[in-house]
């Protein structure tokens, strides 16, 4: 599976102790833009396989984790390196735009 589904139980192991680069998609099932972002996120997870870990976190199922990251709008993609936030992309972006933003983050680390 290219995308890791996060919850309170696996969050520390998958995100906080991982020293690599991770993009976490904070989303909700009722959110239209989140539903549009889902397939784009899955496609990009395959393209960046081995370079970036892609993970999803439901703000409905894990509101405490969403609050910890001060998520105010969804979809929100939080880019982490070594468990620390280094960038954030808020709102839906089509695949080319999202890829450009991810590439920009990679160039700046």
N, C-alpha and C. Protein backbone atom coordinates (compact mmCIF):
# COMPACT_ATOMS: atom_id res chain seq x y z
N UNK A 1 0.84 -1.19 0.00
CA UNK A 1 0.00 0.00 0.00
C UNK A 1 0.88 1.25 0.00
N UNK A 2 0.60 2.13 -0.93
CA UNK A 2 1.44 3.32 -1.08
C UNK A 2 1.11 4.38 -0.04
N UNK A 3 -0.15 4.48 0.38
CA UNK A 3 -0.57 5.50 1.33
C UNK A 3 -0.85 4.83 2.68
N UNK A 4 -0.25 5.38 3.73
CA UNK A 4 -0.44 4.87 5.09
C UNK A 4 -1.65 5.58 5.69
N UNK A 5 -2.55 4.83 6.29
CA UNK A 5 -3.71 5.42 6.96
C UNK A 5 -3.38 5.54 8.45
N UNK A 6 -3.42 6.77 8.93
CA UNK A 6 -2.97 7.07 10.29
C UNK A 6 -4.11 7.06 11.30
N UNK A 7 -3.75 6.71 12.52
CA UNK A 7 -4.66 6.81 13.66
C UNK A 7 -3.81 7.06 14.90
N UNK A 8 -4.46 7.20 16.03
CA UNK A 8 -3.76 7.49 17.29
C UNK A 8 -2.72 6.41 17.61
N UNK A 9 -3.02 5.15 17.26
CA UNK A 9 -2.14 4.03 17.60
C UNK A 9 -0.84 4.02 16.79
N UNK A 10 -0.92 4.35 15.49
CA UNK A 10 0.29 4.23 14.66
C UNK A 10 0.95 5.58 14.37
N UNK A 11 0.38 6.67 14.84
CA UNK A 11 0.89 8.00 14.49
C UNK A 11 2.34 8.21 14.93
N UNK A 12 2.67 7.86 16.15
CA UNK A 12 4.03 8.06 16.65
C UNK A 12 5.04 7.28 15.82
N UNK A 13 4.76 6.00 15.60
CA UNK A 13 5.70 5.16 14.84
C UNK A 13 5.82 5.59 13.38
N UNK A 14 4.70 5.90 12.76
CA UNK A 14 4.70 6.23 11.33
C UNK A 14 5.20 7.64 11.04
N UNK A 15 4.96 8.58 11.97
CA UNK A 15 5.24 9.99 11.68
C UNK A 15 6.32 10.58 12.58
N UNK A 16 6.11 10.54 13.87
CA UNK A 16 6.99 11.28 14.78
C UNK A 16 8.39 10.69 14.89
N UNK A 17 8.52 9.38 14.78
CA UNK A 17 9.86 8.78 14.89
C UNK A 17 10.51 8.56 13.52
N UNK A 18 9.78 8.81 12.45
CA UNK A 18 10.32 8.67 11.10
C UNK A 18 11.18 9.88 10.78
N UNK A 19 12.41 9.67 10.38
CA UNK A 19 13.32 10.78 10.08
C UNK A 19 13.22 11.26 8.64
N UNK A 20 12.44 10.55 7.84
CA UNK A 20 12.31 10.93 6.43
C UNK A 20 11.28 12.02 6.21
N UNK A 21 10.93 12.19 4.95
CA UNK A 21 9.96 13.19 4.53
C UNK A 21 8.59 12.53 4.40
N UNK A 22 7.57 13.16 4.97
CA UNK A 22 6.21 12.63 4.95
C UNK A 22 5.24 13.75 4.59
N UNK A 23 4.23 13.41 3.81
CA UNK A 23 3.13 14.33 3.55
C UNK A 23 1.87 13.68 4.12
N UNK A 24 1.22 14.39 5.04
CA UNK A 24 0.00 13.89 5.66
C UNK A 24 -1.18 14.68 5.11
N UNK A 25 -2.14 13.95 4.55
CA UNK A 25 -3.37 14.54 4.03
C UNK A 25 -4.42 14.49 5.14
N UNK A 26 -4.75 15.65 5.70
CA UNK A 26 -5.83 15.75 6.68
C UNK A 26 -7.12 15.97 5.89
N UNK A 27 -8.09 15.06 6.07
CA UNK A 27 -9.29 15.06 5.24
C UNK A 27 -10.51 14.62 6.04
N UNK A 28 -11.68 14.70 5.42
CA UNK A 28 -12.92 14.19 6.02
C UNK A 28 -13.81 13.64 4.91
N UNK A 29 -14.62 12.65 5.25
CA UNK A 29 -15.46 11.98 4.24
C UNK A 29 -16.53 12.91 3.65
N UNK A 30 -16.98 13.88 4.40
CA UNK A 30 -18.02 14.81 3.95
C UNK A 30 -17.49 15.96 3.10
N UNK A 31 -16.18 16.08 2.98
CA UNK A 31 -15.52 17.21 2.32
C UNK A 31 -15.35 16.94 0.82
N UNK A 32 -16.07 17.70 -0.02
CA UNK A 32 -15.98 17.53 -1.47
C UNK A 32 -14.58 17.71 -2.02
N UNK A 33 -13.89 18.82 -1.68
CA UNK A 33 -12.52 18.98 -2.17
C UNK A 33 -11.59 17.85 -1.70
N UNK A 34 -11.85 17.30 -0.51
CA UNK A 34 -11.03 16.17 -0.02
C UNK A 34 -11.23 14.95 -0.92
N UNK A 35 -12.47 14.74 -1.35
CA UNK A 35 -12.77 13.61 -2.23
C UNK A 35 -12.06 13.78 -3.58
N UNK A 36 -11.96 15.01 -4.05
CA UNK A 36 -11.24 15.27 -5.30
C UNK A 36 -9.73 15.08 -5.12
N UNK A 37 -9.23 15.43 -3.95
CA UNK A 37 -7.79 15.33 -3.67
C UNK A 37 -7.35 13.87 -3.54
N UNK A 38 -8.23 13.00 -3.05
CA UNK A 38 -7.88 11.60 -2.79
C UNK A 38 -7.16 10.90 -3.94
N UNK A 39 -7.77 10.86 -5.14
CA UNK A 39 -7.10 10.17 -6.26
C UNK A 39 -5.78 10.83 -6.67
N UNK A 40 -5.72 12.15 -6.60
CA UNK A 40 -4.48 12.88 -6.94
C UNK A 40 -3.38 12.48 -5.95
N UNK A 41 -3.73 12.45 -4.67
CA UNK A 41 -2.79 12.08 -3.61
C UNK A 41 -2.27 10.66 -3.82
N UNK A 42 -3.20 9.73 -4.16
CA UNK A 42 -2.82 8.33 -4.42
C UNK A 42 -1.85 8.23 -5.60
N UNK A 43 -2.14 8.93 -6.68
CA UNK A 43 -1.27 8.91 -7.87
C UNK A 43 0.12 9.43 -7.53
N UNK A 44 0.18 10.54 -6.83
CA UNK A 44 1.48 11.12 -6.49
C UNK A 44 2.25 10.23 -5.52
N UNK A 45 1.54 9.50 -4.67
CA UNK A 45 2.23 8.60 -3.74
C UNK A 45 3.00 7.53 -4.51
N UNK A 46 2.47 7.11 -5.64
CA UNK A 46 3.17 6.12 -6.48
C UNK A 46 4.37 6.78 -7.16
N UNK A 47 4.18 7.99 -7.62
CA UNK A 47 5.25 8.69 -8.34
C UNK A 47 6.45 8.99 -7.44
N UNK A 48 6.19 9.31 -6.17
CA UNK A 48 7.27 9.67 -5.24
C UNK A 48 7.66 8.51 -4.32
N UNK A 49 7.23 7.31 -4.67
CA UNK A 49 7.53 6.13 -3.86
C UNK A 49 9.03 6.01 -3.62
N UNK A 50 9.43 5.81 -2.38
CA UNK A 50 10.83 5.70 -2.04
C UNK A 50 11.47 7.04 -1.68
N UNK A 51 10.82 8.15 -2.02
CA UNK A 51 11.34 9.47 -1.71
C UNK A 51 10.56 10.14 -0.58
N UNK A 52 9.23 9.97 -0.62
CA UNK A 52 8.34 10.62 0.34
C UNK A 52 7.30 9.60 0.80
N UNK A 53 7.04 9.58 2.10
CA UNK A 53 5.94 8.77 2.62
C UNK A 53 4.66 9.60 2.53
N UNK A 54 3.62 9.00 1.99
CA UNK A 54 2.31 9.65 1.91
C UNK A 54 1.39 8.99 2.93
N UNK A 55 0.68 9.82 3.70
CA UNK A 55 -0.21 9.31 4.73
C UNK A 55 -1.49 10.13 4.76
N UNK A 56 -2.57 9.48 5.19
CA UNK A 56 -3.86 10.16 5.31
C UNK A 56 -4.34 10.06 6.75
N UNK A 57 -4.98 11.15 7.21
CA UNK A 57 -5.53 11.16 8.55
C UNK A 57 -6.93 11.78 8.50
N UNK A 58 -7.91 11.01 8.92
CA UNK A 58 -9.29 11.49 8.94
C UNK A 58 -9.49 12.42 10.13
N UNK A 59 -9.89 13.66 9.84
CA UNK A 59 -10.14 14.61 10.92
C UNK A 59 -11.40 14.23 11.70
N UNK A 60 -12.28 13.43 11.10
CA UNK A 60 -13.48 12.96 11.79
C UNK A 60 -13.13 11.90 12.83
N UNK A 61 -12.26 10.98 12.44
CA UNK A 61 -11.90 9.87 13.32
C UNK A 61 -10.82 10.25 14.33
N UNK A 62 -9.98 11.22 14.00
CA UNK A 62 -8.87 11.61 14.87
C UNK A 62 -8.83 13.13 15.09
N UNK A 63 -9.88 13.70 15.69
CA UNK A 63 -9.91 15.15 15.87
C UNK A 63 -8.78 15.68 16.75
N UNK A 64 -8.31 14.88 17.70
CA UNK A 64 -7.23 15.35 18.58
C UNK A 64 -5.93 15.54 17.80
N UNK A 65 -5.64 14.63 16.87
CA UNK A 65 -4.43 14.78 16.05
C UNK A 65 -4.57 15.97 15.11
N UNK A 66 -5.76 16.17 14.55
CA UNK A 66 -5.98 17.32 13.67
C UNK A 66 -5.79 18.61 14.46
N UNK A 67 -6.28 18.63 15.68
CA UNK A 67 -6.13 19.80 16.55
C UNK A 67 -4.67 20.05 16.89
N UNK A 68 -3.93 18.98 17.12
CA UNK A 68 -2.50 19.08 17.45
C UNK A 68 -1.75 19.82 16.34
N UNK A 69 -2.18 19.62 15.09
CA UNK A 69 -1.54 20.28 13.95
C UNK A 69 -2.25 21.58 13.56
N UNK A 70 -3.21 22.00 14.37
CA UNK A 70 -3.94 23.25 14.14
C UNK A 70 -4.57 23.31 12.74
N UNK A 71 -5.19 22.20 12.36
CA UNK A 71 -5.87 22.13 11.08
C UNK A 71 -7.15 22.95 11.15
N UNK A 72 -7.26 23.95 10.30
CA UNK A 72 -8.44 24.82 10.30
C UNK A 72 -9.27 24.67 9.04
N UNK A 73 -8.67 24.17 7.98
CA UNK A 73 -9.38 23.94 6.73
C UNK A 73 -8.88 22.66 6.10
N UNK A 74 -9.77 21.95 5.41
CA UNK A 74 -9.38 20.71 4.76
C UNK A 74 -9.81 20.76 3.30
N UNK A 75 -9.10 20.06 2.43
CA UNK A 75 -7.93 19.26 2.73
C UNK A 75 -6.71 20.13 3.08
N UNK A 76 -5.92 19.63 4.00
CA UNK A 76 -4.64 20.25 4.36
C UNK A 76 -3.57 19.18 4.24
N UNK A 77 -2.55 19.48 3.48
CA UNK A 77 -1.40 18.58 3.36
C UNK A 77 -0.27 19.18 4.18
N UNK A 78 0.14 18.45 5.21
CA UNK A 78 1.22 18.92 6.07
C UNK A 78 2.47 18.12 5.72
N UNK A 79 3.53 18.84 5.38
CA UNK A 79 4.80 18.21 5.00
C UNK A 79 5.69 18.19 6.24
N UNK A 80 6.15 16.99 6.60
CA UNK A 80 6.96 16.80 7.79
C UNK A 80 8.31 16.20 7.44
N UNK A 81 9.32 16.63 8.14
CA UNK A 81 10.65 16.02 8.02
C UNK A 81 11.12 15.73 9.43
N UNK A 82 11.39 14.47 9.70
CA UNK A 82 11.79 14.09 11.05
C UNK A 82 10.70 14.38 12.07
N UNK A 83 9.43 14.29 11.65
CA UNK A 83 8.31 14.52 12.55
C UNK A 83 7.98 15.98 12.80
N UNK A 84 8.72 16.90 12.18
CA UNK A 84 8.50 18.34 12.37
C UNK A 84 7.94 18.95 11.08
N UNK A 85 6.95 19.82 11.23
CA UNK A 85 6.34 20.45 10.07
C UNK A 85 7.32 21.41 9.39
N UNK A 86 7.44 21.25 8.06
CA UNK A 86 8.31 22.15 7.30
C UNK A 86 7.53 22.93 6.24
N UNK A 87 6.30 22.49 5.94
CA UNK A 87 5.49 23.18 4.94
C UNK A 87 4.05 22.71 5.06
N UNK A 88 3.15 23.47 4.44
CA UNK A 88 1.73 23.14 4.48
C UNK A 88 1.08 23.62 3.19
N UNK A 89 0.23 22.75 2.63
CA UNK A 89 -0.53 23.08 1.43
C UNK A 89 -2.00 22.93 1.80
N UNK A 90 -2.76 24.03 1.73
CA UNK A 90 -4.16 24.00 2.15
C UNK A 90 -5.06 24.16 0.94
N UNK A 91 -6.09 23.32 0.87
CA UNK A 91 -7.07 23.38 -0.20
C UNK A 91 -6.74 22.43 -1.33
N UNK A 92 -7.74 22.18 -2.16
CA UNK A 92 -7.55 21.29 -3.31
C UNK A 92 -6.63 21.93 -4.33
N UNK A 93 -5.77 21.12 -4.91
CA UNK A 93 -4.92 21.56 -6.02
C UNK A 93 -4.95 20.45 -7.07
N UNK A 94 -5.10 20.80 -8.36
CA UNK A 94 -5.02 19.77 -9.39
C UNK A 94 -3.62 19.14 -9.41
N UNK A 95 -3.53 17.98 -9.99
CA UNK A 95 -2.29 17.20 -9.96
C UNK A 95 -1.05 18.00 -10.37
N UNK A 96 -1.06 18.72 -11.51
CA UNK A 96 0.16 19.46 -11.90
C UNK A 96 0.59 20.51 -10.86
N UNK A 97 -0.40 21.19 -10.28
CA UNK A 97 -0.11 22.22 -9.29
C UNK A 97 0.45 21.59 -8.01
N UNK A 98 -0.19 20.50 -7.57
CA UNK A 98 0.28 19.83 -6.36
C UNK A 98 1.68 19.25 -6.57
N UNK A 99 1.92 18.66 -7.73
CA UNK A 99 3.26 18.12 -8.03
C UNK A 99 4.31 19.23 -8.00
N UNK A 100 3.97 20.39 -8.57
CA UNK A 100 4.90 21.53 -8.57
C UNK A 100 5.19 21.97 -7.13
N UNK A 101 4.18 22.01 -6.28
CA UNK A 101 4.38 22.41 -4.89
C UNK A 101 5.25 21.41 -4.14
N UNK A 102 5.02 20.12 -4.39
CA UNK A 102 5.84 19.09 -3.74
C UNK A 102 7.28 19.18 -4.21
N UNK A 103 7.47 19.35 -5.53
CA UNK A 103 8.82 19.49 -6.06
C UNK A 103 9.53 20.70 -5.45
N UNK A 104 8.80 21.78 -5.26
CA UNK A 104 9.37 22.98 -4.66
C UNK A 104 9.83 22.71 -3.22
N UNK A 105 9.03 21.96 -2.47
CA UNK A 105 9.40 21.59 -1.10
C UNK A 105 10.68 20.74 -1.13
N UNK A 106 10.74 19.78 -2.05
CA UNK A 106 11.92 18.91 -2.15
C UNK A 106 13.18 19.70 -2.48
N UNK A 107 13.05 20.70 -3.33
CA UNK A 107 14.22 21.52 -3.70
C UNK A 107 14.75 22.34 -2.53
N UNK A 108 13.87 22.66 -1.60
CA UNK A 108 14.24 23.55 -0.49
C UNK A 108 14.62 22.84 0.81
N UNK A 109 14.77 21.51 0.75
CA UNK A 109 15.19 20.83 2.00
C UNK A 109 16.61 20.33 1.88
